[in-house]
Amino acid sequence: FQRPEPGLLHSRWWRRPLGADSAELVVDPNALEGAEVFYRL
């Protein structure tokens, strides 16, 4: 899933085990070189 995160240019991808609340980061597009100018998945 993605979730609203104010202050970021692009929403990050997260995941969690089924039925769990805790989530781990999967992909942060903001960390990709060049994504501050343009980014598309």
ModelCIF file with pLDDT and N, C-alpha, C, O atoms, coordinates in Angstrom:
data_MODEL
#
_entry.id   MODEL 
#
_entity.id                         1 
_entity.type                       polymer 
_entity.pdbx_number_of_molecules   1 
#
_entity_poly.entity_id                      1 
_entity_poly.type                           'polypeptide(L)' 
_entity_poly.nstd_linkage                   no 
_entity_poly.nstd_monomer                   no 
_entity_poly.pdbx_seq_one_letter_code       FQRPEPGLLHSRWWRRPLGADSAELVVDPNALEGAEVFYRL 
_entity_poly.pdbx_seq_one_letter_code_can   FQRPEPGLLHSRWWRRPLGADSAELVVDPNALEGAEVFYRL 
_entity_poly.pdbx_strand_id                 A 
#
loop_
_entity_poly_seq.entity_id 
_entity_poly_seq.num 
_entity_poly_seq.mon_id 
_entity_poly_seq.hetero 
1 1  PHE n 
1 2  GLN n 
1 3  ARG n 
1 4  PRO n 
1 5  GLU n 
1 6  PRO n 
1 7  GLY n 
1 8  LEU n 
1 9  LEU n 
1 10 HIS n 
1 11 SER n 
1 12 ARG n 
1 13 TRP n 
1 14 TRP n 
1 15 ARG n 
1 16 ARG n 
1 17 PRO n 
1 18 LEU n 
1 19 GLY n 
1 20 ALA n 
1 21 ASP n 
1 22 SER n 
1 23 ALA n 
1 24 GLU n 
1 25 LEU n 
1 26 VAL n 
1 27 VAL n 
1 28 ASP n 
1 29 PRO n 
1 30 ASN n 
1 31 ALA n 
1 32 LEU n 
1 33 GLU n 
1 34 GLY n 
1 35 ALA n 
1 36 GLU n 
1 37 VAL n 
1 38 PHE n 
1 39 TYR n 
1 40 ARG n 
1 41 LEU n 
#
_struct_asym.id          A 
_struct_asym.entity_id   1 
#
loop_
_ma_qa_metric.id 
_ma_qa_metric.mode 
_ma_qa_metric.name 
_ma_qa_metric.software_group_id 
_ma_qa_metric.type 
1 global pLDDT . pLDDT 
2 local  pLDDT . pLDDT 
#
_ma_qa_metric_global.metric_id      1 
_ma_qa_metric_global.metric_value   94.95 
_ma_qa_metric_global.model_id       1 
_ma_qa_metric_global.ordinal_id     1 
#
loop_
_ma_qa_metric_local.label_asym_id 
_ma_qa_metric_local.label_comp_id 
_ma_qa_metric_local.label_seq_id 
_ma_qa_metric_local.metric_id 
_ma_qa_metric_local.metric_value 
_ma_qa_metric_local.model_id 
_ma_qa_metric_local.ordinal_id 
A PHE 1  2 96.00 1 1  
A GLN 2  2 94.00 1 2  
A ARG 3  2 89.00 1 3  
A PRO 4  2 85.00 1 4  
A GLU 5  2 88.00 1 5  
A PRO 6  2 88.00 1 6  
A GLY 7  2 90.00 1 7  
A LEU 8  2 94.00 1 8  
A LEU 9  2 94.00 1 9  
A HIS 10 2 95.00 1 10 
A SER 11 2 94.00 1 11 
A ARG 12 2 97.00 1 12 
A TRP 13 2 98.00 1 13 
A TRP 14 2 98.00 1 14 
A ARG 15 2 98.00 1 15 
A ARG 16 2 97.00 1 16 
A PRO 17 2 97.00 1 17 
A LEU 18 2 95.00 1 18 
A GLY 19 2 90.00 1 19 
A ALA 20 2 93.00 1 20 
A ASP 21 2 90.00 1 21 
A SER 22 2 94.00 1 22 
A ALA 23 2 96.00 1 23 
A GLU 24 2 97.00 1 24 
A LEU 25 2 98.00 1 25 
A VAL 26 2 98.00 1 26 
A VAL 27 2 98.00 1 27 
A ASP 28 2 98.00 1 28 
A PRO 29 2 97.00 1 29 
A ASN 30 2 97.00 1 30 
A ALA 31 2 97.00 1 31 
A LEU 32 2 97.00 1 32 
A GLU 33 2 96.00 1 33 
A GLY 34 2 96.00 1 34 
A ALA 35 2 96.00 1 35 
A GLU 36 2 96.00 1 36 
A VAL 37 2 95.00 1 37 
A PHE 38 2 96.00 1 38 
A TYR 39 2 97.00 1 39 
A ARG 40 2 97.00 1 40 
A LEU 41 2 97.00 1 41 
#
loop_
_atom_site.group_PDB 
_atom_site.id 
_atom_site.type_symbol 
_atom_site.label_atom_id 
_atom_site.label_alt_id 
_atom_site.label_comp_id 
_atom_site.label_asym_id 
_atom_site.label_entity_id 
_atom_site.label_seq_id 
_atom_site.pdbx_PDB_ins_code 
_atom_site.Cartn_x 
_atom_site.Cartn_y 
_atom_site.Cartn_z 
_atom_site.occupancy 
_atom_site.B_iso_or_equiv 
_atom_site.pdbx_formal_charge 
_atom_site.auth_seq_id 
_atom_site.auth_comp_id 
_atom_site.auth_asym_id 
_atom_site.auth_atom_id 
_atom_site.pdbx_PDB_model_num 
ATOM 1   N N  . PHE A 1 1  ? 0.825  -1.203  0.000   1.00 96.00 ? 1  PHE A N  1 
ATOM 2   C CA . PHE A 1 1  ? 0.000  0.000   0.000   1.00 96.00 ? 1  PHE A CA 1 
ATOM 3   C C  . PHE A 1 1  ? 0.860  1.254   0.000   1.00 96.00 ? 1  PHE A C  1 
ATOM 4   O O  . PHE A 1 1  ? 2.056  1.213   0.287   1.00 96.00 ? 1  PHE A O  1 
ATOM 5   N N  . GLN A 1 2  ? 0.224  2.361   -0.327  1.00 94.00 ? 2  GLN A N  1 
ATOM 6   C CA . GLN A 1 2  ? 0.788  3.692   -0.142  1.00 94.00 ? 2  GLN A CA 1 
ATOM 7   C C  . GLN A 1 2  ? -0.089 4.437   0.841   1.00 94.00 ? 2  GLN A C  1 
ATOM 8   O O  . GLN A 1 2  ? -1.267 4.116   0.995   1.00 94.00 ? 2  GLN A O  1 
ATOM 9   N N  . ARG A 1 3  ? 0.476  5.431   1.507   1.00 89.00 ? 3  ARG A N  1 
ATOM 10  C CA . ARG A 1 3  ? -0.301 6.213   2.455   1.00 89.00 ? 3  ARG A CA 1 
ATOM 11  C C  . ARG A 1 3  ? 0.144  7.670   2.387   1.00 89.00 ? 3  ARG A C  1 
ATOM 12  O O  . ARG A 1 3  ? 1.287  7.951   2.026   1.00 89.00 ? 3  ARG A O  1 
ATOM 13  N N  . PRO A 1 4  ? -0.742 8.594   2.729   1.00 85.00 ? 4  PRO A N  1 
ATOM 14  C CA . PRO A 1 4  ? -0.379 10.018  2.681   1.00 85.00 ? 4  PRO A CA 1 
ATOM 15  C C  . PRO A 1 4  ? 0.775  10.317  3.632   1.00 85.00 ? 4  PRO A C  1 
ATOM 16  O O  . PRO A 1 4  ? 0.742  9.938   4.803   1.00 85.00 ? 4  PRO A O  1 
ATOM 17  N N  . GLU A 1 5  ? 1.780  10.991  3.126   1.00 88.00 ? 5  GLU A N  1 
ATOM 18  C CA . GLU A 1 5  ? 2.936  11.392  3.937   1.00 88.00 ? 5  GLU A CA 1 
ATOM 19  C C  . GLU A 1 5  ? 3.299  12.821  3.551   1.00 88.00 ? 5  GLU A C  1 
ATOM 20  O O  . GLU A 1 5  ? 4.086  13.031  2.628   1.00 88.00 ? 5  GLU A O  1 
ATOM 21  N N  . PRO A 1 6  ? 2.739  13.796  4.242   1.00 88.00 ? 6  PRO A N  1 
ATOM 22  C CA . PRO A 1 6  ? 2.992  15.200  3.905   1.00 88.00 ? 6  PRO A CA 1 
ATOM 23  C C  . PRO A 1 6  ? 4.487  15.503  3.880   1.00 88.00 ? 6  PRO A C  1 
ATOM 24  O O  . PRO A 1 6  ? 5.264  15.004  4.694   1.00 88.00 ? 6  PRO A O  1 
ATOM 25  N N  . GLY A 1 7  ? 4.854  16.339  2.916   1.00 90.00 ? 7  GLY A N  1 
ATOM 26  C CA . GLY A 1 7  ? 6.245  16.754  2.808   1.00 90.00 ? 7  GLY A CA 1 
ATOM 27  C C  . GLY A 1 7  ? 7.056  15.966  1.804   1.00 90.00 ? 7  GLY A C  1 
ATOM 28  O O  . GLY A 1 7  ? 8.167  16.369  1.460   1.00 90.00 ? 7  GLY A O  1 
ATOM 29  N N  . LEU A 1 8  ? 6.522  14.839  1.321   1.00 94.00 ? 8  LEU A N  1 
ATOM 30  C CA . LEU A 1 8  ? 7.232  14.035  0.329   1.00 94.00 ? 8  LEU A CA 1 
ATOM 31  C C  . LEU A 1 8  ? 6.705  14.343  -1.065  1.00 94.00 ? 8  LEU A C  1 
ATOM 32  O O  . LEU A 1 8  ? 5.508  14.562  -1.249  1.00 94.00 ? 8  LEU A O  1 
ATOM 33  N N  . LEU A 1 9  ? 7.602  14.359  -2.041  1.00 94.00 ? 9  LEU A N  1 
ATOM 34  C CA . LEU A 1 9  ? 7.172  14.582  -3.411  1.00 94.00 ? 9  LEU A CA 1 
ATOM 35  C C  . LEU A 1 9  ? 6.369  13.406  -3.945  1.00 94.00 ? 9  LEU A C  1 
ATOM 36  O O  . LEU A 1 9  ? 5.398  13.595  -4.678  1.00 94.00 ? 9  LEU A O  1 
ATOM 37  N N  . HIS A 1 10 ? 6.773  12.183  -3.578  1.00 95.00 ? 10 HIS A N  1 
ATOM 38  C CA . HIS A 1 10 ? 6.144  10.975  -4.104  1.00 95.00 ? 10 HIS A CA 1 
ATOM 39  C C  . HIS A 1 10 ? 5.791  10.037  -2.954  1.00 95.00 ? 10 HIS A C  1 
ATOM 40  O O  . HIS A 1 10 ? 6.558  9.888   -2.003  1.00 95.00 ? 10 HIS A O  1 
ATOM 41  N N  . SER A 1 11 ? 4.630  9.412   -3.052  1.00 94.00 ? 11 SER A N  1 
ATOM 42  C CA . SER A 1 11 ? 4.215  8.464   -2.017  1.00 94.00 ? 11 SER A CA 1 
ATOM 43  C C  . SER A 1 11 ? 5.125  7.237   -2.027  1.00 94.00 ? 11 SER A C  1 
ATOM 44  O O  . SER A 1 11 ? 5.500  6.730   -3.084  1.00 94.00 ? 11 SER A O  1 
ATOM 45  N N  . ARG A 1 12 ? 5.471  6.771   -0.825  1.00 97.00 ? 12 ARG A N  1 
ATOM 46  C CA . ARG A 1 12 ? 6.315  5.591   -0.708  1.00 97.00 ? 12 ARG A CA 1 
ATOM 47  C C  . ARG A 1 12 ? 5.463  4.321   -0.670  1.00 97.00 ? 12 ARG A C  1 
ATOM 48  O O  . ARG A 1 12 ? 4.282  4.356   -0.325  1.00 97.00 ? 12 ARG A O  1 
ATOM 49  N N  . TRP A 1 13 ? 6.093  3.198   -1.034  1.00 98.00 ? 13 TRP A N  1 
ATOM 50  C CA . TRP A 1 13 ? 5.426  1.900   -0.974  1.00 98.00 ? 13 TRP A CA 1 
ATOM 51  C C  . TRP A 1 13 ? 5.801  1.173   0.308   1.00 98.00 ? 13 TRP A C  1 
ATOM 52  O O  . TRP A 1 13 ? 6.972  1.079   0.675   1.00 98.00 ? 13 TRP A O  1 
ATOM 53  N N  . TRP A 1 14 ? 4.767  0.660   0.983   1.00 98.00 ? 14 TRP A N  1 
ATOM 54  C CA . TRP A 1 14 ? 4.933  -0.066  2.230   1.00 98.00 ? 14 TRP A CA 1 
ATOM 55  C C  . TRP A 1 14 ? 4.281  -1.443  2.108   1.00 98.00 ? 14 TRP A C  1 
ATOM 56  O O  . TRP A 1 14 ? 3.535  -1.715  1.167   1.00 98.00 ? 14 TRP A O  1 
ATOM 57  N N  . ARG A 1 15 ? 4.580  -2.296  3.074   1.00 98.00 ? 15 ARG A N  1 
ATOM 58  C CA . ARG A 1 15 ? 3.861  -3.565  3.150   1.00 98.00 ? 15 ARG A CA 1 
ATOM 59  C C  . ARG A 1 15 ? 3.753  -3.988  4.608   1.00 98.00 ? 15 ARG A C  1 
ATOM 60  O O  . ARG A 1 15 ? 4.506  -3.538  5.472   1.00 98.00 ? 15 ARG A O  1 
ATOM 61  N N  . ARG A 1 16 ? 2.794  -4.866  4.848   1.00 97.00 ? 16 ARG A N  1 
ATOM 62  C CA . ARG A 1 16 ? 2.627  -5.441  6.178   1.00 97.00 ? 16 ARG A CA 1 
ATOM 63  C C  . ARG A 1 16 ? 2.091  -6.862  6.010   1.00 97.00 ? 16 ARG A C  1 
ATOM 64  O O  . ARG A 1 16 ? 1.378  -7.141  5.047   1.00 97.00 ? 16 ARG A O  1 
ATOM 65  N N  . PRO A 1 17 ? 2.427  -7.764  6.937   1.00 97.00 ? 17 PRO A N  1 
ATOM 66  C CA . PRO A 1 17 ? 1.851  -9.108  6.883   1.00 97.00 ? 17 PRO A CA 1 
ATOM 67  C C  . PRO A 1 17 ? 0.338  -9.035  7.043   1.00 97.00 ? 17 PRO A C  1 
ATOM 68  O O  . PRO A 1 17 ? -0.180 -8.134  7.703   1.00 97.00 ? 17 PRO A O  1 
ATOM 69  N N  . LEU A 1 18 ? -0.349 -9.959  6.453   1.00 95.00 ? 18 LEU A N  1 
ATOM 70  C CA . LEU A 1 18 ? -1.804 -9.980  6.559   1.00 95.00 ? 18 LEU A CA 1 
ATOM 71  C C  . LEU A 1 18 ? -2.225 -10.020 8.023   1.00 95.00 ? 18 LEU A C  1 
ATOM 72  O O  . LEU A 1 18 ? -1.725 -10.830 8.803   1.00 95.00 ? 18 LEU A O  1 
ATOM 73  N N  . GLY A 1 19 ? -3.145 -9.139  8.383   1.00 90.00 ? 19 GLY A N  1 
ATOM 74  C CA . GLY A 1 19 ? -3.646 -9.095  9.754   1.00 90.00 ? 19 GLY A CA 1 
ATOM 75  C C  . GLY A 1 19 ? -2.775 -8.349  10.725  1.00 90.00 ? 19 GLY A C  1 
ATOM 76  O O  . GLY A 1 19 ? -3.125 -8.240  11.901  1.00 90.00 ? 19 GLY A O  1 
ATOM 77  N N  . ALA A 1 20 ? -1.627 -7.819  10.267  1.00 93.00 ? 20 ALA A N  1 
ATOM 78  C CA . ALA A 1 20 ? -0.713 -7.108  11.168  1.00 93.00 ? 20 ALA A CA 1 
ATOM 79  C C  . ALA A 1 20 ? -0.862 -5.605  11.000  1.00 93.00 ? 20 ALA A C  1 
ATOM 80  O O  . ALA A 1 20 ? -1.400 -5.134  9.998   1.00 93.00 ? 20 ALA A O  1 
ATOM 81  N N  . ASP A 1 21 ? -0.381 -4.854  11.986  1.00 90.00 ? 21 ASP A N  1 
ATOM 82  C CA . ASP A 1 21 ? -0.425 -3.396  11.932  1.00 90.00 ? 21 ASP A CA 1 
ATOM 83  C C  . ASP A 1 21 ? 0.913  -2.786  11.537  1.00 90.00 ? 21 ASP A C  1 
ATOM 84  O O  . ASP A 1 21 ? 0.957  -1.762  10.855  1.00 90.00 ? 21 ASP A O  1 
ATOM 85  N N  . SER A 1 22 ? 2.001  -3.413  11.965  1.00 94.00 ? 22 SER A N  1 
ATOM 86  C CA . SER A 1 22 ? 3.325  -2.848  11.691  1.00 94.00 ? 22 SER A CA 1 
ATOM 87  C C  . SER A 1 22 ? 3.666  -3.007  10.217  1.00 94.00 ? 22 SER A C  1 
ATOM 88  O O  . SER A 1 22 ? 3.372  -4.033  9.604   1.00 94.00 ? 22 SER A O  1 
ATOM 89  N N  . ALA A 1 23 ? 4.294  -1.969  9.655   1.00 96.00 ? 23 ALA A N  1 
ATOM 90  C CA . ALA A 1 23 ? 4.615  -1.966  8.232   1.00 96.00 ? 23 ALA A CA 1 
ATOM 91  C C  . ALA A 1 23 ? 6.103  -1.726  8.027   1.00 96.00 ? 23 ALA A C  1 
ATOM 92  O O  . ALA A 1 23 ? 6.764  -1.107  8.860   1.00 96.00 ? 23 ALA A O  1 
ATOM 93  N N  . GLU A 1 24 ? 6.621  -2.223  6.908   1.00 97.00 ? 24 GLU A N  1 
ATOM 94  C CA . GLU A 1 24 ? 8.013  -1.970  6.540   1.00 97.00 ? 24 GLU A CA 1 
ATOM 95  C C  . GLU A 1 24 ? 8.056  -1.286  5.179   1.00 97.00 ? 24 GLU A C  1 
ATOM 96  O O  . GLU A 1 24 ? 7.194  -1.511  4.329   1.00 97.00 ? 24 GLU A O  1 
ATOM 97  N N  . LEU A 1 25 ? 9.059  -0.460  4.988   1.00 98.00 ? 25 LEU A N  1 
ATOM 98  C CA . LEU A 1 25 ? 9.225  0.270   3.749   1.00 98.00 ? 25 LEU A CA 1 
ATOM 99  C C  . LEU A 1 25 ? 9.692  -0.677  2.648   1.00 98.00 ? 25 LEU A C  1 
ATOM 100 O O  . LEU A 1 25 ? 10.583 -1.501  2.851   1.00 98.00 ? 25 LEU A O  1 
ATOM 101 N N  . VAL A 1 26 ? 9.070  -0.539  1.476   1.00 98.00 ? 26 VAL A N  1 
ATOM 102 C CA . VAL A 1 26 ? 9.465  -1.362  0.333   1.00 98.00 ? 26 VAL A CA 1 
ATOM 103 C C  . VAL A 1 26 ? 10.276 -0.535  -0.664  1.00 98.00 ? 26 VAL A C  1 
ATOM 104 O O  . VAL A 1 26 ? 11.423 -0.869  -0.960  1.00 98.00 ? 26 VAL A O  1 
ATOM 105 N N  . VAL A 1 27 ? 9.688  0.538   -1.178  1.00 98.00 ? 27 VAL A N  1 
ATOM 106 C CA . VAL A 1 27 ? 10.355 1.386   -2.169  1.00 98.00 ? 27 VAL A CA 1 
ATOM 107 C C  . VAL A 1 27 ? 10.058 2.842   -1.848  1.00 98.00 ? 27 VAL A C  1 
ATOM 108 O O  . VAL A 1 27 ? 8.907  3.223   -1.633  1.00 98.00 ? 27 VAL A O  1 
ATOM 109 N N  . ASP A 1 28 ? 11.106 3.645   -1.818  1.00 98.00 ? 28 ASP A N  1 
ATOM 110 C CA . ASP A 1 28 ? 10.968 5.088   -1.634  1.00 98.00 ? 28 ASP A CA 1 
ATOM 111 C C  . ASP A 1 28 ? 11.390 5.777   -2.930  1.00 98.00 ? 28 ASP A C  1 
ATOM 112 O O  . ASP A 1 28 ? 12.586 5.938   -3.174  1.00 98.00 ? 28 ASP A O  1 
ATOM 113 N N  . PRO A 1 29 ? 10.435 6.187   -3.767  1.00 97.00 ? 29 PRO A N  1 
ATOM 114 C CA . PRO A 1 29 ? 10.808 6.844   -5.025  1.00 97.00 ? 29 PRO A CA 1 
ATOM 115 C C  . PRO A 1 29 ? 11.617 8.113   -4.819  1.00 97.00 ? 29 PRO A C  1 
ATOM 116 O O  . PRO A 1 29 ? 12.395 8.503   -5.690  1.00 97.00 ? 29 PRO A O  1 
ATOM 117 N N  . ASN A 1 30 ? 11.441 8.759   -3.678  1.00 97.00 ? 30 ASN A N  1 
ATOM 118 C CA . ASN A 1 30 ? 12.150 10.008  -3.425  1.00 97.00 ? 30 ASN A CA 1 
ATOM 119 C C  . ASN A 1 30 ? 13.658 9.807   -3.344  1.00 97.00 ? 30 ASN A C  1 
ATOM 120 O O  . ASN A 1 30 ? 14.418 10.764  -3.495  1.00 97.00 ? 30 ASN A O  1 
ATOM 121 N N  . ALA A 1 31 ? 14.096 8.583   -3.108  1.00 97.00 ? 31 ALA A N  1 
ATOM 122 C CA . ALA A 1 31 ? 15.523 8.296   -3.007  1.00 97.00 ? 31 ALA A CA 1 
ATOM 123 C C  . ALA A 1 31 ? 16.170 8.042   -4.364  1.00 97.00 ? 31 ALA A C  1 
ATOM 124 O O  . ALA A 1 31 ? 17.392 7.920   -4.451  1.00 97.00 ? 31 ALA A O  1 
ATOM 125 N N  . LEU A 1 32 ? 15.373 7.962   -5.416  1.00 97.00 ? 32 LEU A N  1 
ATOM 126 C CA . LEU A 1 32 ? 15.914 7.699   -6.747  1.00 97.00 ? 32 LEU A CA 1 
ATOM 127 C C  . LEU A 1 32 ? 16.516 8.967   -7.328  1.00 97.00 ? 32 LEU A C  1 
ATOM 128 O O  . LEU A 1 32 ? 15.915 10.038  -7.244  1.00 97.00 ? 32 LEU A O  1 
ATOM 129 N N  . GLU A 1 33 ? 17.674 8.855   -7.904  1.00 96.00 ? 33 GLU A N  1 
ATOM 130 C CA . GLU A 1 33 ? 18.315 10.007  -8.513  1.00 96.00 ? 33 GLU A CA 1 
ATOM 131 C C  . GLU A 1 33 ? 17.479 10.517  -9.678  1.00 96.00 ? 33 GLU A C  1 
ATOM 132 O O  . GLU A 1 33 ? 17.136 9.758   -10.584 1.00 96.00 ? 33 GLU A O  1 
ATOM 133 N N  . GLY A 1 34 ? 17.156 11.789  -9.650  1.00 96.00 ? 34 GLY A N  1 
ATOM 134 C CA . GLY A 1 34 ? 16.363 12.395  -10.705 1.00 96.00 ? 34 GLY A CA 1 
ATOM 135 C C  . GLY A 1 34 ? 14.893 12.498  -10.381 1.00 96.00 ? 34 GLY A C  1 
ATOM 136 O O  . GLY A 1 34 ? 14.171 13.234  -11.053 1.00 96.00 ? 34 GLY A O  1 
ATOM 137 N N  . ALA A 1 35 ? 14.421 11.777  -9.362  1.00 96.00 ? 35 ALA A N  1 
ATOM 138 C CA . ALA A 1 35 ? 12.989 11.772  -9.054  1.00 96.00 ? 35 ALA A CA 1 
ATOM 139 C C  . ALA A 1 35 ? 12.506 13.111  -8.519  1.00 96.00 ? 35 ALA A C  1 
ATOM 140 O O  . ALA A 1 35 ? 11.303 13.369  -8.498  1.00 96.00 ? 35 ALA A O  1 
ATOM 141 N N  . GLU A 1 36 ? 13.427 13.966  -8.085  1.00 96.00 ? 36 GLU A N  1 
ATOM 142 C CA . GLU A 1 36 ? 13.002 15.290  -7.631  1.00 96.00 ? 36 GLU A CA 1 
ATOM 143 C C  . GLU A 1 36 ? 12.512 16.144  -8.802  1.00 96.00 ? 36 GLU A C  1 
ATOM 144 O O  . GLU A 1 36 ? 11.780 17.114  -8.608  1.00 96.00 ? 36 GLU A O  1 
ATOM 145 N N  . VAL A 1 37 ? 12.923 15.773  -10.021 1.00 95.00 ? 37 VAL A N  1 
ATOM 146 C CA . VAL A 1 37 ? 12.496 16.503  -11.220 1.00 95.00 ? 37 VAL A CA 1 
ATOM 147 C C  . VAL A 1 37 ? 11.310 15.812  -11.876 1.00 95.00 ? 37 VAL A C  1 
ATOM 148 O O  . VAL A 1 37 ? 10.316 16.457  -12.211 1.00 95.00 ? 37 VAL A O  1 
ATOM 149 N N  . PHE A 1 38 ? 11.414 14.502  -12.058 1.00 96.00 ? 38 PHE A N  1 
ATOM 150 C CA . PHE A 1 38 ? 10.347 13.741  -12.701 1.00 96.00 ? 38 PHE A CA 1 
ATOM 151 C C  . PHE A 1 38 ? 10.416 12.299  -12.206 1.00 96.00 ? 38 PHE A C  1 
ATOM 152 O O  . PHE A 1 38 ? 11.496 11.751  -11.987 1.00 96.00 ? 38 PHE A O  1 
ATOM 153 N N  . TYR A 1 39 ? 9.227  11.693  -12.034 1.00 97.00 ? 39 TYR A N  1 
ATOM 154 C CA . TYR A 1 39 ? 9.176  10.284  -11.645 1.00 97.00 ? 39 TYR A CA 1 
ATOM 155 C C  . TYR A 1 39 ? 7.853  9.689   -12.087 1.00 97.00 ? 39 TYR A C  1 
ATOM 156 O O  . TYR A 1 39 ? 6.791  10.282  -11.895 1.00 97.00 ? 39 TYR A O  1 
ATOM 157 N N  . ARG A 1 40 ? 7.936  8.512   -12.679 1.00 97.00 ? 40 ARG A N  1 
ATOM 158 C CA . ARG A 1 40 ? 6.730  7.751   -12.989 1.00 97.00 ? 40 ARG A CA 1 
ATOM 159 C C  . ARG A 1 40 ? 7.036  6.267   -12.816 1.00 97.00 ? 40 ARG A C  1 
ATOM 160 O O  . ARG A 1 40 ? 8.070  5.771   -13.264 1.00 97.00 ? 40 ARG A O  1 
ATOM 161 N N  . LEU A 1 41 ? 6.113  5.572   -12.156 1.00 97.00 ? 41 LEU A N  1 
ATOM 162 C CA . LEU A 1 41 ? 6.263  4.137   -11.920 1.00 97.00 ? 41 LEU A CA 1 
ATOM 163 C C  . LEU A 1 41 ? 5.903  3.362   -13.175 1.00 97.00 ? 41 LEU A C  1 
ATOM 164 O O  . LEU A 1 41 ? 5.966  2.132   -13.180 1.00 97.00 ? 41 LEU A O  1 
#
